[in-house]
């Protein structure tokens, strides 16, 4: 596995641990359905939270959350729609981003709640 993929997996593992310590119920990690995918799907306070995880070694080229482009947001929202339909979930949905910066754990973690809203199609 390439070094950047390993860093990404370590970041997702750290993000899951971070969320669990904050009382989130983790429903799925690295969920896939064809080309649809979600990093973390969690639940808290009767809300489904879809979390995009961005891990970087440093912020030399900008903040990790800047990699969540409009195109990526459309992909996340479309994937979330598939997830909701597949599991017949009827809960409000919130979209968060967790950023992790560092060479290895422990990372500098930032949790951005309500990071974006679904676009109007």
PDB file of N, CA and C in Angstrom:
ATOM      1  N   UNK A   1       0.846  -1.175   0.000  1.00  0.00           N
ATOM      2  CA  UNK A   1       0.000   0.000   0.000  1.00  0.00           C
ATOM      3  C   UNK A   1       0.893   1.241   0.000  1.00  0.00           C
ATOM      4  N   UNK A   2       0.527   2.218  -0.801  1.00  0.00           N
ATOM      5  CA  UNK A   2       1.304   3.457  -0.888  1.00  0.00           C
ATOM      6  C   UNK A   2       1.268   4.195   0.444  1.00  0.00           C
ATOM      7  N   UNK A   3       2.330   4.950   0.716  1.00  0.00           N
ATOM      8  CA  UNK A   3       2.456   5.657   1.998  1.00  0.00           C
ATOM      9  C   UNK A   3       1.277   6.587   2.244  1.00  0.00           C
ATOM     10  N   UNK A   4       0.797   7.295   1.194  1.00  0.00           N
ATOM     11  CA  UNK A   4      -0.321   8.218   1.414  1.00  0.00           C
ATOM     12  C   UNK A   4      -1.609   7.461   1.729  1.00  0.00           C
ATOM     13  N   UNK A   5      -1.779   6.246   1.185  1.00  0.00           N
ATOM     14  CA  UNK A   5      -2.950   5.439   1.520  1.00  0.00           C
ATOM     15  C   UNK A   5      -2.887   4.961   2.968  1.00  0.00           C
ATOM     16  N   UNK A   6      -1.693   4.585   3.413  1.00  0.00           N
ATOM     17  CA  UNK A   6      -1.519   4.157   4.805  1.00  0.00           C
ATOM     18  C   UNK A   6      -1.820   5.308   5.754  1.00  0.00           C
ATOM     19  N   UNK A   7      -1.342   6.506   5.412  1.00  0.00           N
ATOM     20  CA  UNK A   7      -1.617   7.681   6.238  1.00  0.00           C
ATOM     21  C   UNK A   7      -3.121   7.933   6.297  1.00  0.00           C
ATOM     22  N   UNK A   8      -3.795   7.797   5.165  1.00  0.00           N
ATOM     23  CA  UNK A   8      -5.242   7.987   5.122  1.00  0.00           C
ATOM     24  C   UNK A   8      -5.977   6.997   6.008  1.00  0.00           C
ATOM     25  N   UNK A   9      -5.574   5.732   5.977  1.00  0.00           N
ATOM     26  CA  UNK A   9      -6.198   4.707   6.826  1.00  0.00           C
ATOM     27  C   UNK A   9      -5.944   5.002   8.304  1.00  0.00           C
ATOM     28  N   UNK A  10      -4.717   5.421   8.637  1.00  0.00           N
ATOM     29  CA  UNK A  10      -4.418   5.787  10.026  1.00  0.00           C
ATOM     30  C   UNK A  10      -5.281   6.967  10.456  1.00  0.00           C
ATOM     31  N   UNK A  11      -5.474   7.915   9.546  1.00  0.00           N
ATOM     32  CA  UNK A  11      -6.311   9.069   9.840  1.00  0.00           C
ATOM     33  C   UNK A  11      -7.753   8.674  10.091  1.00  0.00           C
ATOM     34  N   UNK A  12      -8.290   7.786   9.263  1.00  0.00           N
ATOM     35  CA  UNK A  12      -9.673   7.340   9.455  1.00  0.00           C
ATOM     36  C   UNK A  12      -9.825   6.589  10.772  1.00  0.00           C
ATOM     37  N   UNK A  13      -8.849   5.769  11.115  1.00  0.00           N
ATOM     38  CA  UNK A  13      -8.890   5.048  12.391  1.00  0.00           C
ATOM     39  C   UNK A  13      -8.877   6.029  13.560  1.00  0.00           C
ATOM     40  N   UNK A  14      -8.023   7.043  13.484  1.00  0.00           N
ATOM     41  CA  UNK A  14      -7.959   8.063  14.543  1.00  0.00           C
ATOM     42  C   UNK A  14      -9.261   8.854  14.612  1.00  0.00           C
ATOM     43  N   UNK A  15      -9.867   9.139  13.458  1.00  0.00           N
ATOM     44  CA  UNK A  15     -11.130   9.880  13.431  1.00  0.00           C
ATOM     45  C   UNK A  15     -12.246   9.075  14.092  1.00  0.00           C
ATOM     46  N   UNK A  16     -12.299   7.777  13.827  1.00  0.00           N
ATOM     47  CA  UNK A  16     -13.307   6.916  14.453  1.00  0.00           C
ATOM     48  C   UNK A  16     -13.139   6.931  15.971  1.00  0.00           C
ATOM     49  N   UNK A  17     -11.920   6.778  16.446  1.00  0.00           N
ATOM     50  CA  UNK A  17     -11.646   6.799  17.888  1.00  0.00           C
ATOM     51  C   UNK A  17     -12.063   8.133  18.498  1.00  0.00           C
ATOM     52  N   UNK A  18     -11.737   9.224  17.822  1.00  0.00           N
ATOM     53  CA  UNK A  18     -12.102  10.574  18.262  1.00  0.00           C
ATOM     54  C   UNK A  18     -13.616  10.690  18.402  1.00  0.00           C
ATOM     55  N   UNK A  19     -14.349  10.224  17.397  1.00  0.00           N
ATOM     56  CA  UNK A  19     -15.813  10.320  17.417  1.00  0.00           C
ATOM     57  C   UNK A  19     -16.417   9.447  18.517  1.00  0.00           C
ATOM     58  N   UNK A  20     -15.903   8.246  18.680  1.00  0.00           N
ATOM     59  CA  UNK A  20     -16.419   7.356  19.720  1.00  0.00           C
ATOM     60  C   UNK A  20     -16.233   7.963  21.105  1.00  0.00           C
ATOM     61  N   UNK A  21     -15.112   8.613  21.340  1.00  0.00           N
ATOM     62  CA  UNK A  21     -14.870   9.262  22.632  1.00  0.00           C
ATOM     63  C   UNK A  21     -15.848  10.402  22.870  1.00  0.00           C
ATOM     64  N   UNK A  22     -16.401  10.969  21.791  1.00  0.00           N
ATOM     65  CA  UNK A  22     -17.373  12.056  21.897  1.00  0.00           C
ATOM     66  C   UNK A  22     -18.812  11.536  21.896  1.00  0.00           C
ATOM     67  N   UNK A  23     -18.980  10.227  21.971  1.00  0.00           N
ATOM     68  CA  UNK A  23     -20.310   9.651  22.093  1.00  0.00           C
ATOM     69  C   UNK A  23     -21.030   9.332  20.794  1.00  0.00           C
ATOM     70  N   UNK A  24     -20.317   9.340  19.680  1.00  0.00           N
ATOM     71  CA  UNK A  24     -20.937   8.995  18.402  1.00  0.00           C
ATOM     72  C   UNK A  24     -21.015   7.475  18.260  1.00  0.00           C
ATOM     73  N   UNK A  25     -22.119   6.986  17.705  1.00  0.00           N
ATOM     74  CA  UNK A  25     -22.258   5.583  17.350  1.00  0.00           C
ATOM     75  C   UNK A  25     -21.803   5.445  15.901  1.00  0.00           C
ATOM     76  N   UNK A  26     -20.787   4.651  15.666  1.00  0.00           N
ATOM     77  CA  UNK A  26     -20.262   4.466  14.315  1.00  0.00           C
ATOM     78  C   UNK A  26     -21.085   3.375  13.633  1.00  0.00           C
ATOM     79  N   UNK A  27     -21.767   3.746  12.547  1.00  0.00           N
ATOM     80  CA  UNK A  27     -22.588   2.790  11.790  1.00  0.00           C
ATOM     81  C   UNK A  27     -21.757   2.076  10.726  1.00  0.00           C
ATOM     82  N   UNK A  28     -20.954   2.823   9.998  1.00  0.00           N
ATOM     83  CA  UNK A  28     -20.105   2.238   8.956  1.00  0.00           C
ATOM     84  C   UNK A  28     -18.839   3.074   8.786  1.00  0.00           C
ATOM     85  N   UNK A  29     -17.764   2.394   8.402  1.00  0.00           N
ATOM     86  CA  UNK A  29     -16.547   3.082   7.973  1.00  0.00           C
ATOM     87  C   UNK A  29     -16.209   2.563   6.584  1.00  0.00           C
ATOM     88  N   UNK A  30     -15.704   3.448   5.743  1.00  0.00           N
ATOM     89  CA  UNK A  30     -15.287   3.086   4.392  1.00  0.00           C
ATOM     90  C   UNK A  30     -16.400   2.338   3.655  1.00  0.00           C
ATOM     91  N   UNK A  31     -17.620   2.896   3.707  1.00  0.00           N
ATOM     92  CA  UNK A  31     -18.788   2.275   3.070  1.00  0.00           C
ATOM     93  C   UNK A  31     -18.737   2.465   1.560  1.00  0.00           C
ATOM     94  N   UNK A  32     -19.008   1.384   0.828  1.00  0.00           N
ATOM     95  CA  UNK A  32     -18.997   1.423  -0.640  1.00  0.00           C
ATOM     96  C   UNK A  32     -20.261   0.776  -1.191  1.00  0.00           C
ATOM     97  N   UNK A  33     -20.744   1.321  -2.285  1.00  0.00           N
ATOM     98  CA  UNK A  33     -21.827   0.729  -3.069  1.00  0.00           C
ATOM     99  C   UNK A  33     -21.549   1.104  -4.520  1.00  0.00           C
ATOM    100  N   UNK A  34     -20.854   0.233  -5.226  1.00  0.00           N
ATOM    101  CA  UNK A  34     -20.407   0.574  -6.576  1.00  0.00           C
ATOM    102  C   UNK A  34     -19.391   1.700  -6.496  1.00  0.00           C
ATOM    103  N   UNK A  35     -19.660   2.786  -7.214  1.00  0.00           N
ATOM    104  CA  UNK A  35     -18.755   3.939  -7.186  1.00  0.00           C
ATOM    105  C   UNK A  35     -19.079   4.910  -6.057  1.00  0.00           C
ATOM    106  N   UNK A  36     -20.132   4.649  -5.334  1.00  0.00           N
ATOM    107  CA  UNK A  36     -20.515   5.501  -4.201  1.00  0.00           C
ATOM    108  C   UNK A  36     -19.684   5.083  -2.991  1.00  0.00           C
ATOM    109  N   UNK A  37     -19.233   6.064  -2.208  1.00  0.00           N
ATOM    110  CA  UNK A  37     -18.462   5.730  -1.014  1.00  0.00           C
ATOM    111  C   UNK A  37     -18.561   6.855   0.010  1.00  0.00           C
ATOM    112  N   UNK A  38     -18.505   6.456   1.264  1.00  0.00           N
ATOM    113  CA  UNK A  38     -18.525   7.390   2.390  1.00  0.00           C
ATOM    114  C   UNK A  38     -17.444   6.967   3.373  1.00  0.00           C
ATOM    115  N   UNK A  39     -16.705   7.933   3.917  1.00  0.00           N
ATOM    116  CA  UNK A  39     -15.621   7.611   4.857  1.00  0.00           C
ATOM    117  C   UNK A  39     -16.166   7.060   6.170  1.00  0.00           C
ATOM    118  N   UNK A  40     -16.998   7.852   6.844  1.00  0.00           N
ATOM    119  CA  UNK A  40     -17.575   7.430   8.122  1.00  0.00           C
ATOM    120  C   UNK A  40     -19.044   7.832   8.138  1.00  0.00           C
ATOM    121  N   UNK A  41     -19.889   6.902   8.576  1.00  0.00           N
ATOM    122  CA  UNK A  41     -21.298   7.206   8.816  1.00  0.00           C
ATOM    123  C   UNK A  41     -21.537   6.926  10.294  1.00  0.00           C
ATOM    124  N   UNK A  42     -22.020   7.940  10.998  1.00  0.00           N
ATOM    125  CA  UNK A  42     -22.215   7.826  12.438  1.00  0.00           C
ATOM    126  C   UNK A  42     -23.608   8.324  12.801  1.00  0.00           C
ATOM    127  N   UNK A  43     -23.954   8.137  14.064  1.00  0.00           N
ATOM    128  CA  UNK A  43     -25.235   8.618  14.556  1.00  0.00           C
ATOM    129  C   UNK A  43     -25.036   9.204  15.951  1.00  0.00           C
ATOM    130  N   UNK A  44     -25.726  10.313  16.193  1.00  0.00           N
ATOM    131  CA  UNK A  44     -25.711  10.932  17.513  1.00  0.00           C
ATOM    132  C   UNK A  44     -26.933  11.836  17.620  1.00  0.00           C
ATOM    133  N   UNK A  45     -27.589  11.790  18.756  1.00  0.00           N
ATOM    134  CA  UNK A  45     -28.747  12.647  19.020  1.00  0.00           C
ATOM    135  C   UNK A  45     -29.790  12.545  17.909  1.00  0.00           C
ATOM    136  N   UNK A  46     -30.099  11.327  17.498  1.00  0.00           N
ATOM    137  CA  UNK A  46     -31.135  11.065  16.483  1.00  0.00           C
ATOM    138  C   UNK A  46     -30.840  11.756  15.157  1.00  0.00           C
ATOM    139  N   UNK A  47     -29.568  11.917  14.838  1.00  0.00           N
ATOM    140  CA  UNK A  47     -29.137  12.505  13.571  1.00  0.00           C
ATOM    141  C   UNK A  47     -28.095  11.587  12.948  1.00  0.00           C
ATOM    142  N   UNK A  48     -28.208  11.382  11.642  1.00  0.00           N
ATOM    143  CA  UNK A  48     -27.193  10.639  10.909  1.00  0.00           C
ATOM    144  C   UNK A  48     -26.122  11.634  10.488  1.00  0.00           C
ATOM    145  N   UNK A  49     -24.878  11.335  10.806  1.00  0.00           N
ATOM    146  CA  UNK A  49     -23.784  12.242  10.474  1.00  0.00           C
ATOM    147  C   UNK A  49     -22.859  11.534   9.487  1.00  0.00           C
ATOM    148  N   UNK A  50     -22.657  12.174   8.341  1.00  0.00           N
ATOM    149  CA  UNK A  50     -21.752  11.673   7.317  1.00  0.00           C
ATOM    150  C   UNK A  50     -20.472  12.494   7.429  1.00  0.00           C
ATOM    151  N   UNK A  51     -19.359  11.801   7.657  1.00  0.00           N
ATOM    152  CA  UNK A  51     -18.098  12.489   7.927  1.00  0.00           C
ATOM    153  C   UNK A  51     -17.086  12.179   6.831  1.00  0.00           C
ATOM    154  N   UNK A  52     -16.598  13.229   6.203  1.00  0.00           N
ATOM    155  CA  UNK A  52     -15.507  13.120   5.236  1.00  0.00           C
ATOM    156  C   UNK A  52     -14.205  13.351   6.004  1.00  0.00           C
ATOM    157  N   UNK A  53     -13.253  12.449   5.845  1.00  0.00           N
ATOM    158  CA  UNK A  53     -11.989  12.518   6.576  1.00  0.00           C
ATOM    159  C   UNK A  53     -10.875  12.916   5.612  1.00  0.00           C
ATOM    160  N   UNK A  54     -10.116  13.934   5.987  1.00  0.00           N
ATOM    161  CA  UNK A  54      -8.984  14.391   5.183  1.00  0.00           C
ATOM    162  C   UNK A  54      -7.740  14.412   6.065  1.00  0.00           C
ATOM    163  N   UNK A  55      -6.755  13.605   5.691  1.00  0.00           N
ATOM    164  CA  UNK A  55      -5.512  13.500   6.449  1.00  0.00           C
ATOM    165  C   UNK A  55      -4.359  14.012   5.592  1.00  0.00           C
ATOM    166  N   UNK A  56      -3.535  14.851   6.186  1.00  0.00           N
ATOM    167  CA  UNK A  56      -2.370  15.399   5.488  1.00  0.00           C
ATOM    168  C   UNK A  56      -1.162  15.350   6.423  1.00  0.00           C
ATOM    169  N   UNK A  57       0.006  15.230   5.842  1.00  0.00           N
ATOM    170  CA  UNK A  57       1.243  15.249   6.642  1.00  0.00           C
ATOM    171  C   UNK A  57       1.483  16.624   7.252  1.00  0.00           C
ATOM    172  N   UNK A  58       1.132  17.668   6.486  1.00  0.00           N
ATOM    173  CA  UNK A  58       1.305  19.042   6.961  1.00  0.00           C
ATOM    174  C   UNK A  58       0.321  19.923   6.191  1.00  0.00           C
ATOM    175  N   UNK A  59       0.301  21.200   6.530  1.00  0.00           N
ATOM    176  CA  UNK A  59      -0.618  22.112   5.835  1.00  0.00           C
ATOM    177  C   UNK A  59       0.135  23.025   4.861  1.00  0.00           C
ATOM    178  N   UNK A  60       1.275  22.549   4.391  1.00  0.00           N
ATOM    179  CA  UNK A  60       2.115  23.324   3.477  1.00  0.00           C
ATOM    180  C   UNK A  60       1.353  23.756   2.222  1.00  0.00           C
ATOM    181  N   UNK A  61       0.461  22.908   1.745  1.00  0.00           N
ATOM    182  CA  UNK A  61      -0.275  23.208   0.516  1.00  0.00           C
ATOM    183  C   UNK A  61      -1.728  23.589   0.795  1.00  0.00           C
ATOM    184  N   UNK A  62      -2.010  24.048   1.992  1.00  0.00           N
ATOM    185  CA  UNK A  62      -3.367  24.462   2.339  1.00  0.00           C
ATOM    186  C   UNK A  62      -3.981  23.552   3.386  1.00  0.00           C
ATOM    187  N   UNK A  63      -5.134  23.949   3.853  1.00  0.00           N
ATOM    188  CA  UNK A  63      -5.841  23.184   4.872  1.00  0.00           C
ATOM    189  C   UNK A  63      -6.495  21.951   4.243  1.00  0.00           C
ATOM    190  N   UNK A  64      -6.526  20.836   4.958  1.00  0.00           N
ATOM    191  CA  UNK A  64      -7.089  19.606   4.394  1.00  0.00           C
ATOM    192  C   UNK A  64      -8.533  19.766   3.902  1.00  0.00           C
ATOM    193  N   UNK A  65      -9.338  20.536   4.614  1.00  0.00           N
ATOM    194  CA  UNK A  65     -10.744  20.684   4.230  1.00  0.00           C
ATOM    195  C   UNK A  65     -10.912  21.368   2.872  1.00  0.00           C
ATOM    196  N   UNK A  66      -9.875  22.064   2.415  1.00  0.00           N
ATOM    197  CA  UNK A  66      -9.946  22.705   1.100  1.00  0.00           C
ATOM    198  C   UNK A  66     -10.026  21.674  -0.027  1.00  0.00           C
ATOM    199  N   UNK A  67      -9.686  20.422   0.268  1.00  0.00           N
ATOM    200  CA  UNK A  67      -9.779  19.349  -0.729  1.00  0.00           C
ATOM    201  C   UNK A  67     -11.217  18.865  -0.918  1.00  0.00           C
ATOM    202  N   UNK A  68     -12.126  19.327  -0.074  1.00  0.00           N
ATOM    203  CA  UNK A  68     -13.537  18.964  -0.224  1.00  0.00           C
ATOM    204  C   UNK A  68     -14.176  20.001  -1.147  1.00  0.00           C
ATOM    205  N   UNK A  69     -14.071  19.720  -2.429  1.00  0.00           N
ATOM    206  CA  UNK A  69     -14.534  20.627  -3.480  1.00  0.00           C
ATOM    207  C   UNK A  69     -16.037  20.473  -3.707  1.00  0.00           C
ATOM    208  N   UNK A  70     -16.597  21.348  -4.521  1.00  0.00           N
ATOM    209  CA  UNK A  70     -18.017  21.235  -4.874  1.00  0.00           C
ATOM    210  C   UNK A  70     -18.309  19.878  -5.516  1.00  0.00           C
ATOM    211  N   UNK A  71     -17.409  19.423  -6.357  1.00  0.00           N
ATOM    212  CA  UNK A  71     -17.588  18.112  -6.994  1.00  0.00           C
ATOM    213  C   UNK A  71     -17.605  16.999  -5.947  1.00  0.00           C
ATOM    214  N   UNK A  72     -16.691  17.065  -4.977  1.00  0.00           N
ATOM    215  CA  UNK A  72     -16.643  16.061  -3.913  1.00  0.00           C
ATOM    216  C   UNK A  72     -17.910  16.123  -3.069  1.00  0.00           C
ATOM    217  N   UNK A  73     -18.397  17.328  -2.791  1.00  0.00           N
ATOM    218  CA  UNK A  73     -19.634  17.477  -2.019  1.00  0.00           C
ATOM    219  C   UNK A  73     -20.795  16.816  -2.756  1.00  0.00           C
ATOM    220  N   UNK A  74     -20.907  17.034  -4.058  1.00  0.00           N
ATOM    221  CA  UNK A  74     -21.978  16.394  -4.834  1.00  0.00           C
ATOM    222  C   UNK A  74     -21.865  14.871  -4.751  1.00  0.00           C
ATOM    223  N   UNK A  75     -20.639  14.352  -4.798  1.00  0.00           N
ATOM    224  CA  UNK A  75     -20.420  12.907  -4.692  1.00  0.00           C
ATOM    225  C   UNK A  75     -20.841  12.396  -3.304  1.00  0.00           C
ATOM    226  N   UNK A  76     -20.475  13.107  -2.264  1.00  0.00           N
ATOM    227  CA  UNK A  76     -20.837  12.708  -0.896  1.00  0.00           C
ATOM    228  C   UNK A  76     -22.354  12.709  -0.734  1.00  0.00           C
ATOM    229  N   UNK A  77     -23.014  13.751  -1.224  1.00  0.00           N
ATOM    230  CA  UNK A  77     -24.471  13.854  -1.093  1.00  0.00           C
ATOM    231  C   UNK A  77     -25.158  12.732  -1.877  1.00  0.00           C
ATOM    232  N   UNK A  78     -24.692  12.463  -3.080  1.00  0.00           N
ATOM    233  CA  UNK A  78     -25.254  11.375  -3.881  1.00  0.00           C
ATOM    234  C   UNK A  78     -25.042  10.026  -3.191  1.00  0.00           C
ATOM    235  N   UNK A  79     -23.865   9.816  -2.633  1.00  0.00           N
ATOM    236  CA  UNK A  79     -23.570   8.579  -1.905  1.00  0.00           C
ATOM    237  C   UNK A  79     -24.450   8.461  -0.668  1.00  0.00           C
ATOM    238  N   UNK A  80     -24.675   9.579   0.007  1.00  0.00           N
ATOM    239  CA  UNK A  80     -25.536   9.579   1.192  1.00  0.00           C
ATOM    240  C   UNK A  80     -26.958   9.205   0.819  1.00  0.00           C
ATOM    241  N   UNK A  81     -27.451   9.721  -0.297  1.00  0.00           N
ATOM    242  CA  UNK A  81     -28.791   9.375  -0.766  1.00  0.00           C
ATOM    243  C   UNK A  81     -28.899   7.867  -0.994  1.00  0.00           C
ATOM    244  N   UNK A  82     -27.892   7.281  -1.614  1.00  0.00           N
ATOM    245  CA  UNK A  82     -27.874   5.827  -1.826  1.00  0.00           C
ATOM    246  C   UNK A  82     -27.861   5.082  -0.495  1.00  0.00           C
ATOM    247  N   UNK A  83     -27.070   5.577   0.441  1.00  0.00           N
ATOM    248  CA  UNK A  83     -26.972   4.954   1.766  1.00  0.00           C
ATOM    249  C   UNK A  83     -28.328   4.983   2.473  1.00  0.00           C
ATOM    250  N   UNK A  84     -28.974   6.146   2.467  1.00  0.00           N
ATOM    251  CA  UNK A  84     -30.276   6.287   3.122  1.00  0.00           C
ATOM    252  C   UNK A  84     -31.305   5.340   2.513  1.00  0.00           C
ATOM    253  N   UNK A  85     -31.315   5.245   1.196  1.00  0.00           N
ATOM    254  CA  UNK A  85     -32.262   4.356   0.518  1.00  0.00           C
ATOM    255  C   UNK A  85     -31.956   2.893   0.794  1.00  0.00           C
ATOM    256  N   UNK A  86     -30.694   2.537   0.744  1.00  0.00           N
ATOM    257  CA  UNK A  86     -30.311   1.130   0.936  1.00  0.00           C
ATOM    258  C   UNK A  86     -30.680   0.624   2.329  1.00  0.00           C
ATOM    259  N   UNK A  87     -30.464   1.462   3.335  1.00  0.00           N
ATOM    260  CA  UNK A  87     -30.722   1.035   4.712  1.00  0.00           C
ATOM    261  C   UNK A  87     -32.054   1.555   5.255  1.00  0.00           C
ATOM    262  N   UNK A  88     -32.856   2.176   4.378  1.00  0.00           N
ATOM    263  CA  UNK A  88     -34.191   2.680   4.734  1.00  0.00           C
ATOM    264  C   UNK A  88     -34.145   3.524   6.005  1.00  0.00           C
ATOM    265  N   UNK A  89     -33.282   4.511   5.992  1.00  0.00           N
ATOM    266  CA  UNK A  89     -33.080   5.388   7.145  1.00  0.00           C
ATOM    267  C   UNK A  89     -33.883   6.661   6.960  1.00  0.00           C
ATOM    268  N   UNK A  90     -34.598   7.033   8.002  1.00  0.00           N
ATOM    269  CA  UNK A  90     -35.390   8.262   7.990  1.00  0.00           C
ATOM    270  C   UNK A  90     -34.966   9.122   9.184  1.00  0.00           C
ATOM    271  N   UNK A  91     -33.807   9.718   9.055  1.00  0.00           N
ATOM    272  CA  UNK A  91     -33.267  10.602  10.090  1.00  0.00           C
ATOM    273  C   UNK A  91     -32.768  11.873   9.415  1.00  0.00           C
ATOM    274  N   UNK A  92     -32.728  12.981  10.159  1.00  0.00           N
ATOM    275  CA  UNK A  92     -32.057  14.157   9.605  1.00  0.00           C
ATOM    276  C   UNK A  92     -30.578  13.835   9.391  1.00  0.00           C
ATOM    277  N   UNK A  93     -29.988  14.488   8.399  1.00  0.00           N
ATOM    278  CA  UNK A  93     -28.586  14.223   8.042  1.00  0.00           C
ATOM    279  C   UNK A  93     -27.762  15.488   8.218  1.00  0.00           C
ATOM    280  N   UNK A  94     -26.567  15.299   8.755  1.00  0.00           N
ATOM    281  CA  UNK A  94     -25.600  16.390   8.897  1.00  0.00           C
ATOM    282  C   UNK A  94     -24.305  15.954   8.220  1.00  0.00           C
ATOM    283  N   UNK A  95     -23.633  16.908   7.590  1.00  0.00           N
ATOM    284  CA  UNK A  95     -22.371  16.623   6.904  1.00  0.00           C
ATOM    285  C   UNK A  95     -21.224  17.316   7.634  1.00  0.00           C
ATOM    286  N   UNK A  96     -20.265  16.524   8.108  1.00  0.00           N
ATOM    287  CA  UNK A  96     -19.104  17.032   8.833  1.00  0.00           C
ATOM    288  C   UNK A  96     -17.827  16.696   8.063  1.00  0.00           C
ATOM    289  N   UNK A  97     -16.774  17.397   8.426  1.00  0.00           N
ATOM    290  CA  UNK A  97     -15.430  17.073   7.934  1.00  0.00           C
ATOM    291  C   UNK A  97     -14.525  16.944   9.156  1.00  0.00           C
ATOM    292  N   UNK A  98     -13.705  15.913   9.164  1.00  0.00           N
ATOM    293  CA  UNK A  98     -12.656  15.798  10.178  1.00  0.00           C
ATOM    294  C   UNK A  98     -11.325  15.888   9.448  1.00  0.00           C
ATOM    295  N   UNK A  99     -10.489  16.830   9.893  1.00  0.00           N
ATOM    296  CA  UNK A  99      -9.154  16.969   9.319  1.00  0.00           C
ATOM    297  C   UNK A  99      -8.127  16.483  10.332  1.00  0.00           C
ATOM    298  N   UNK A 100      -7.100  15.846   9.809  1.00  0.00           N
ATOM    299  CA  UNK A 100      -6.007  15.352  10.640  1.00  0.00           C
ATOM    300  C   UNK A 100      -4.705  15.764   9.979  1.00  0.00           C
ATOM    301  N   UNK A 101      -3.824  16.356  10.761  1.00  0.00           N
ATOM    302  CA  UNK A 101      -2.527  16.781  10.243  1.00  0.00           C
ATOM    303  C   UNK A 101      -1.437  16.152  11.100  1.00  0.00           C
ATOM    304  N   UNK A 102      -0.464  15.540  10.428  1.00  0.00           N
ATOM    305  CA  UNK A 102       0.668  14.944  11.124  1.00  0.00           C
ATOM    306  C   UNK A 102       1.250  13.794  10.331  1.00  0.00           C
ATOM    307  N   UNK A 103       2.461  13.428  10.678  1.00  0.00           N
ATOM    308  CA  UNK A 103       3.153  12.318  10.010  1.00  0.00           C
ATOM    309  C   UNK A 103       2.592  10.967  10.444  1.00  0.00           C
ATOM    310  N   UNK A 104       2.125  10.922  11.681  1.00  0.00           N
ATOM    311  CA  UNK A 104       1.595   9.681  12.271  1.00  0.00           C
ATOM    312  C   UNK A 104       0.820  10.071  13.525  1.00  0.00           C
ATOM    313  N   UNK A 105       0.028   9.140  14.057  1.00  0.00           N
ATOM    314  CA  UNK A 105      -0.680   9.456  15.307  1.00  0.00           C
ATOM    315  C   UNK A 105       0.310   9.765  16.426  1.00  0.00           C
ATOM    316  N   UNK A 106      -0.016  10.625  17.362  1.00  0.00           N
ATOM    317  CA  UNK A 106      -1.290  11.354  17.441  1.00  0.00           C
ATOM    318  C   UNK A 106      -1.310  12.534  16.465  1.00  0.00           C
ATOM    319  N   UNK A 107      -2.446  12.701  15.804  1.00  0.00           N
ATOM    320  CA  UNK A 107      -2.627  13.769  14.828  1.00  0.00           C
ATOM    321  C   UNK A 107      -3.207  15.014  15.487  1.00  0.00           C
ATOM    322  N   UNK A 108      -3.042  16.141  14.826  1.00  0.00           N
ATOM    323  CA  UNK A 108      -3.758  17.360  15.188  1.00  0.00           C
ATOM    324  C   UNK A 108      -5.118  17.236  14.503  1.00  0.00           C
ATOM    325  N   UNK A 109      -6.183  17.085  15.294  1.00  0.00           N
ATOM    326  CA  UNK A 109      -7.518  16.796  14.762  1.00  0.00           C
ATOM    327  C   UNK A 109      -8.421  18.012  14.895  1.00  0.00           C
ATOM    328  N   UNK A 110      -9.148  18.305  13.820  1.00  0.00           N
ATOM    329  CA  UNK A 110     -10.184  19.336  13.849  1.00  0.00           C
ATOM    330  C   UNK A 110     -11.474  18.713  13.327  1.00  0.00           C
ATOM    331  N   UNK A 111     -12.554  18.888  14.089  1.00  0.00           N
ATOM    332  CA  UNK A 111     -13.871  18.378  13.696  1.00  0.00           C
ATOM    333  C   UNK A 111     -14.728  19.573  13.304  1.00  0.00           C
ATOM    334  N   UNK A 112     -15.095  19.640  12.032  1.00  0.00           N
ATOM    335  CA  UNK A 112     -15.910  20.738  11.519  1.00  0.00           C
ATOM    336  C   UNK A 112     -17.336  20.211  11.358  1.00  0.00           C
ATOM    337  N   UNK A 113     -18.202  20.570  12.304  1.00  0.00           N
ATOM    338  CA  UNK A 113     -19.593  20.142  12.233  1.00  0.00           C
ATOM    339  C   UNK A 113     -20.351  21.025  11.252  1.00  0.00           C
ATOM    340  N   UNK A 114     -21.371  20.444  10.614  1.00  0.00           N
ATOM    341  CA  UNK A 114     -22.165  21.176   9.615  1.00  0.00           C
ATOM    342  C   UNK A 114     -21.248  21.852   8.596  1.00  0.00           C
ATOM    343  N   UNK A 115     -20.282  21.111   8.092  1.00  0.00           N
ATOM    344  CA  UNK A 115     -19.265  21.667   7.193  1.00  0.00           C
ATOM    345  C   UNK A 115     -19.849  22.159   5.873  1.00  0.00           C
ATOM    346  N   UNK A 116     -20.915  21.517   5.435  1.00  0.00           N
ATOM    347  CA  UNK A 116     -21.572  21.957   4.198  1.00  0.00           C
ATOM    348  C   UNK A 116     -23.008  21.464   4.183  1.00  0.00           C
ATOM    349  N   UNK A 117     -23.795  22.098   3.333  1.00  0.00           N
ATOM    350  CA  UNK A 117     -25.177  21.694   3.104  1.00  0.00           C
ATOM    351  C   UNK A 117     -25.265  21.048   1.730  1.00  0.00           C
ATOM    352  N   UNK A 118     -26.248  20.165   1.528  1.00  0.00           N
ATOM    353  CA  UNK A 118     -26.392  19.590   0.190  1.00  0.00           C
ATOM    354  C   UNK A 118     -26.723  20.678  -0.820  1.00  0.00           C
ATOM    355  N   UNK A 119     -26.150  20.596  -2.004  1.00  0.00           N
ATOM    356  CA  UNK A 119     -26.457  21.607  -3.026  1.00  0.00           C
ATOM    357  C   UNK A 119     -27.881  21.433  -3.540  1.00  0.00           C
ATOM    358  N   UNK A 120     -28.434  22.494  -4.058  1.00  0.00           N
ATOM    359  CA  UNK A 120     -29.744  22.427  -4.701  1.00  0.00           C
ATOM    360  C   UNK A 120     -29.499  22.025  -6.143  1.00  0.00           C
ATOM    361  N   UNK A 121     -30.089  20.931  -6.572  1.00  0.00           N
ATOM    362  CA  UNK A 121     -29.818  20.374  -7.906  1.00  0.00           C
ATOM    363  C   UNK A 121     -30.570  21.134  -8.954  1.00  0.00           C
TER     364      UNK A 121
END
